[in-house]
C-alpha atoms as a PDB file:
ATOM      1  CA  MET A   1       0.000   0.000   0.000  1.00  0.00           C
ATOM      2  CA  LEU A   2       1.286   3.440  -0.929  1.00  0.00           C
ATOM      3  CA  PHE A   3       0.899   6.289   1.530  1.00  0.00           C
ATOM      4  CA  ILE A   4       1.648   9.812   0.384  1.00  0.00           C
ATOM      5  CA  CYS A   5       1.228  12.742   2.727  1.00  0.00           C
ATOM      6  CA  SER A   6       1.348  16.385   1.805  1.00  0.00           C
ATOM      7  CA  ALA A   7       0.579  19.109   4.305  1.00  0.00           C
ATOM      8  CA  GLY A   8      -1.130  16.594   6.549  1.00  0.00           C
ATOM      9  CA  LEU A   9      -3.426  15.174   3.838  1.00  0.00           C
ATOM     10  CA  ASN A  10      -3.405  11.386   3.640  1.00  0.00           C
ATOM     11  CA  VAL A  11      -4.310  10.809  -0.002  1.00  0.00           C
ATOM     12  CA  SER A  12      -4.420   7.048   0.501  1.00  0.00           C
ATOM     13  CA  ALA A  13      -7.591   7.636   2.508  1.00  0.00           C
ATOM     14  CA  LEU A  14      -9.334   9.282  -0.444  1.00  0.00           C
ATOM     15  CA  PRO A  15     -11.762   7.033  -2.351  1.00  0.00           C
ATOM     16  CA  ALA A  16     -10.785   5.879  -5.833  1.00  0.00           C
ATOM     17  CA  PRO A  17     -12.704   7.722  -8.548  1.00  0.00           C
ATOM     18  CA  ASN A  18     -15.464   5.934 -10.453  1.00  0.00           C
ATOM     19  CA  MET A  19     -15.584   5.842 -14.249  1.00  0.00           C
ATOM     20  CA  GLU A  20     -18.411   8.063 -15.463  1.00  0.00           C
ATOM     21  CA  TRP A  21     -18.061   7.299 -19.181  1.00  0.00           C
ATOM     22  CA  TYR A  22     -15.608   5.861 -21.693  1.00  0.00           C
ATOM     23  CA  LYS A  23     -15.502   6.661 -25.414  1.00  0.00           C
ATOM     24  CA  ILE A  24     -13.278   5.666 -28.324  1.00  0.00           C
ATOM     25  CA  TYR A  25     -12.643   8.227 -31.044  1.00  0.00           C
ATOM     26  CA  GLY A  26     -10.948   7.981 -34.400  1.00  0.00           C
ATOM     27  CA  GLY A  27     -11.218   6.146 -37.641  1.00  0.00           C
ATOM     28  CA  SER A  28      -9.167   4.045 -39.997  1.00  0.00           C
ATOM     29  CA  TYR A  29      -5.886   5.928 -39.409  1.00  0.00           C
ATOM     30  CA  TYR A  30      -3.535   5.895 -36.458  1.00  0.00           C
ATOM     31  CA  ASP A  31      -5.146   8.677 -34.445  1.00  0.00           C
ATOM     32  CA  HIS A  32      -3.494  10.236 -31.402  1.00  0.00           C
ATOM     33  CA  ALA A  33      -4.718  12.725 -28.798  1.00  0.00           C
ATOM     34  CA  TYR A  34      -1.989  14.727 -27.054  1.00  0.00           C
ATOM     35  CA  SER A  35      -3.899  17.461 -25.242  1.00  0.00           C
ATOM     36  CA  VAL A  36      -7.362  17.774 -23.722  1.00  0.00           C
ATOM     37  CA  GLN A  37      -9.173  20.637 -22.056  1.00  0.00           C
ATOM     38  CA  GLN A  38     -12.608  21.062 -20.567  1.00  0.00           C
ATOM     39  CA  THR A  39     -14.362  23.834 -22.457  1.00  0.00           C
ATOM     40  CA  LEU A  40     -16.480  26.671 -21.102  1.00  0.00           C
ATOM     41  CA  ASP A  41     -19.687  24.865 -22.113  1.00  0.00           C
ATOM     42  CA  GLY A  42     -18.756  21.842 -19.960  1.00  0.00           C
ATOM     43  CA  GLY A  43     -17.642  19.724 -22.912  1.00  0.00           C
ATOM     44  CA  TYR A  44     -14.121  18.795 -23.940  1.00  0.00           C
ATOM     45  CA  ILE A  45     -11.744  19.452 -26.797  1.00  0.00           C
ATOM     46  CA  PHE A  46      -8.708  17.416 -27.637  1.00  0.00           C
ATOM     47  CA  ALA A  47      -5.921  17.963 -30.119  1.00  0.00           C
ATOM     48  CA  GLY A  48      -3.594  15.490 -31.745  1.00  0.00           C
ATOM     49  CA  ASP A  49      -3.032  13.985 -35.139  1.00  0.00           C
ATOM     50  CA  SER A  50      -4.710  11.748 -37.661  1.00  0.00           C
ATOM     51  CA  ALA A  51      -2.421  10.523 -40.437  1.00  0.00           C
ATOM     52  CA  ASN A  52       0.012  13.364 -39.581  1.00  0.00           C
ATOM     53  CA  ASP A  53      -2.647  16.046 -39.949  1.00  0.00           C
ATOM     54  CA  VAL A  54      -3.796  18.203 -37.042  1.00  0.00           C
ATOM     55  CA  TRP A  55      -6.878  16.609 -35.520  1.00  0.00           C
ATOM     56  CA  LEU A  56      -9.270  18.581 -33.288  1.00  0.00           C
ATOM     57  CA  TYR A  57     -12.264  16.918 -31.694  1.00  0.00           C
ATOM     58  CA  LYS A  58     -14.966  18.685 -29.653  1.00  0.00           C
ATOM     59  CA  THR A  59     -17.432  16.827 -27.432  1.00  0.00           C
ATOM     60  CA  ASP A  60     -20.287  17.641 -25.114  1.00  0.00           C
ATOM     61  CA  ALA A  61     -20.071  16.952 -21.372  1.00  0.00           C
ATOM     62  CA  ALA A  62     -20.960  13.281 -21.947  1.00  0.00           C
ATOM     63  CA  GLY A  63     -18.190  12.801 -24.520  1.00  0.00           C
ATOM     64  CA  ASN A  64     -20.488  12.799 -27.550  1.00  0.00           C
ATOM     65  CA  LYS A  65     -19.107  14.325 -30.730  1.00  0.00           C
ATOM     66  CA  ILE A  66     -20.073  17.911 -31.502  1.00  0.00           C
ATOM     67  CA  TRP A  67     -17.545  18.480 -34.290  1.00  0.00           C
ATOM     68  CA  GLU A  68     -14.114  17.490 -35.551  1.00  0.00           C
ATOM     69  CA  LYS A  69     -11.676  19.154 -37.919  1.00  0.00           C
ATOM     70  CA  THR A  70      -8.383  18.227 -39.536  1.00  0.00           C
ATOM     71  CA  PHE A  71      -5.780  20.556 -40.962  1.00  0.00           C
ATOM     72  CA  GLY A  72      -2.786  19.473 -43.043  1.00  0.00           C
ATOM     73  CA  VAL A  73      -0.274  21.530 -41.079  1.00  0.00           C
ATOM     74  CA  GLY A  74       1.373  18.849 -38.904  1.00  0.00           C
ATOM     75  CA  ILE A  75       0.735  17.436 -35.459  1.00  0.00           C
ATOM     76  CA  ALA A  76      -1.087  19.308 -32.682  1.00  0.00           C
ATOM     77  CA  HIS A  77       0.446  18.951 -29.220  1.00  0.00           C
ATOM     78  CA  ALA A  78      -1.657  21.413 -27.184  1.00  0.00           C
ATOM     79  CA  VAL A  79      -5.045  23.091 -27.305  1.00  0.00           C
ATOM     80  CA  LEU A  80      -6.423  25.932 -25.216  1.00  0.00           C
ATOM     81  CA  GLN A  81      -9.814  27.613 -25.322  1.00  0.00           C
ATOM     82  CA  ILE A  82      -9.500  31.395 -25.416  1.00  0.00           C
ATOM     83  CA  THR A  83     -12.171  34.104 -25.260  1.00  0.00           C
ATOM     84  CA  ASP A  84     -12.846  34.090 -29.014  1.00  0.00           C
ATOM     85  CA  GLY A  85     -11.998  30.520 -30.044  1.00  0.00           C
ATOM     86  CA  TYR A  86      -9.122  28.086 -29.626  1.00  0.00           C
ATOM     87  CA  ILE A  87      -5.360  28.275 -29.926  1.00  0.00           C
ATOM     88  CA  ILE A  88      -3.471  25.141 -30.972  1.00  0.00           C
ATOM     89  CA  ALA A  89       0.288  24.567 -30.843  1.00  0.00           C
ATOM     90  CA  GLY A  90       2.156  21.891 -32.715  1.00  0.00           C
ATOM     91  CA  GLU A  91       5.003  20.985 -35.019  1.00  0.00           C
ATOM     92  CA  LYS A  92       5.790  19.894 -38.549  1.00  0.00           C
ATOM     93  CA  ALA A  93       9.174  19.010 -40.011  1.00  0.00           C
ATOM     94  CA  GLY A  94      11.008  20.257 -36.930  1.00  0.00           C
ATOM     95  CA  GLN A  95       9.294  23.643 -36.852  1.00  0.00           C
ATOM     96  CA  ALA A  96       6.779  24.887 -34.291  1.00  0.00           C
ATOM     97  CA  TRP A  97       3.532  26.581 -35.278  1.00  0.00           C
ATOM     98  CA  LEU A  98       0.419  28.179 -33.735  1.00  0.00           C
ATOM     99  CA  LEU A  99      -3.083  27.933 -35.178  1.00  0.00           C
ATOM    100  CA  LYS A 100      -6.001  30.080 -34.049  1.00  0.00           C
ATOM    101  CA  LEU A 101      -9.604  29.034 -34.658  1.00  0.00           C
ATOM    102  CA  ILE A 102     -12.475  31.488 -34.282  1.00  0.00           C
END
């Protein structure tokens, strides 16, 4: 049994979380998700790649697909919701890039 204490909190006494839902996303390519964020509407967005194209996938709070987009600019490694859309960071051929969606 592992006991970890931090500032007097015994985390081994905390209950294990229960799985609320589990979904599989993707298609016939090798699809990868590298970054996920809960969005302001309570859903989620993740960024990654599908066949070496940027792959963005937006869900509702239950993990159901709202939309997905691909862009042929490389691999997305991070996504962040901003006040007027999303900002995505990634790389292609050893160069970094930023993509803004509105």
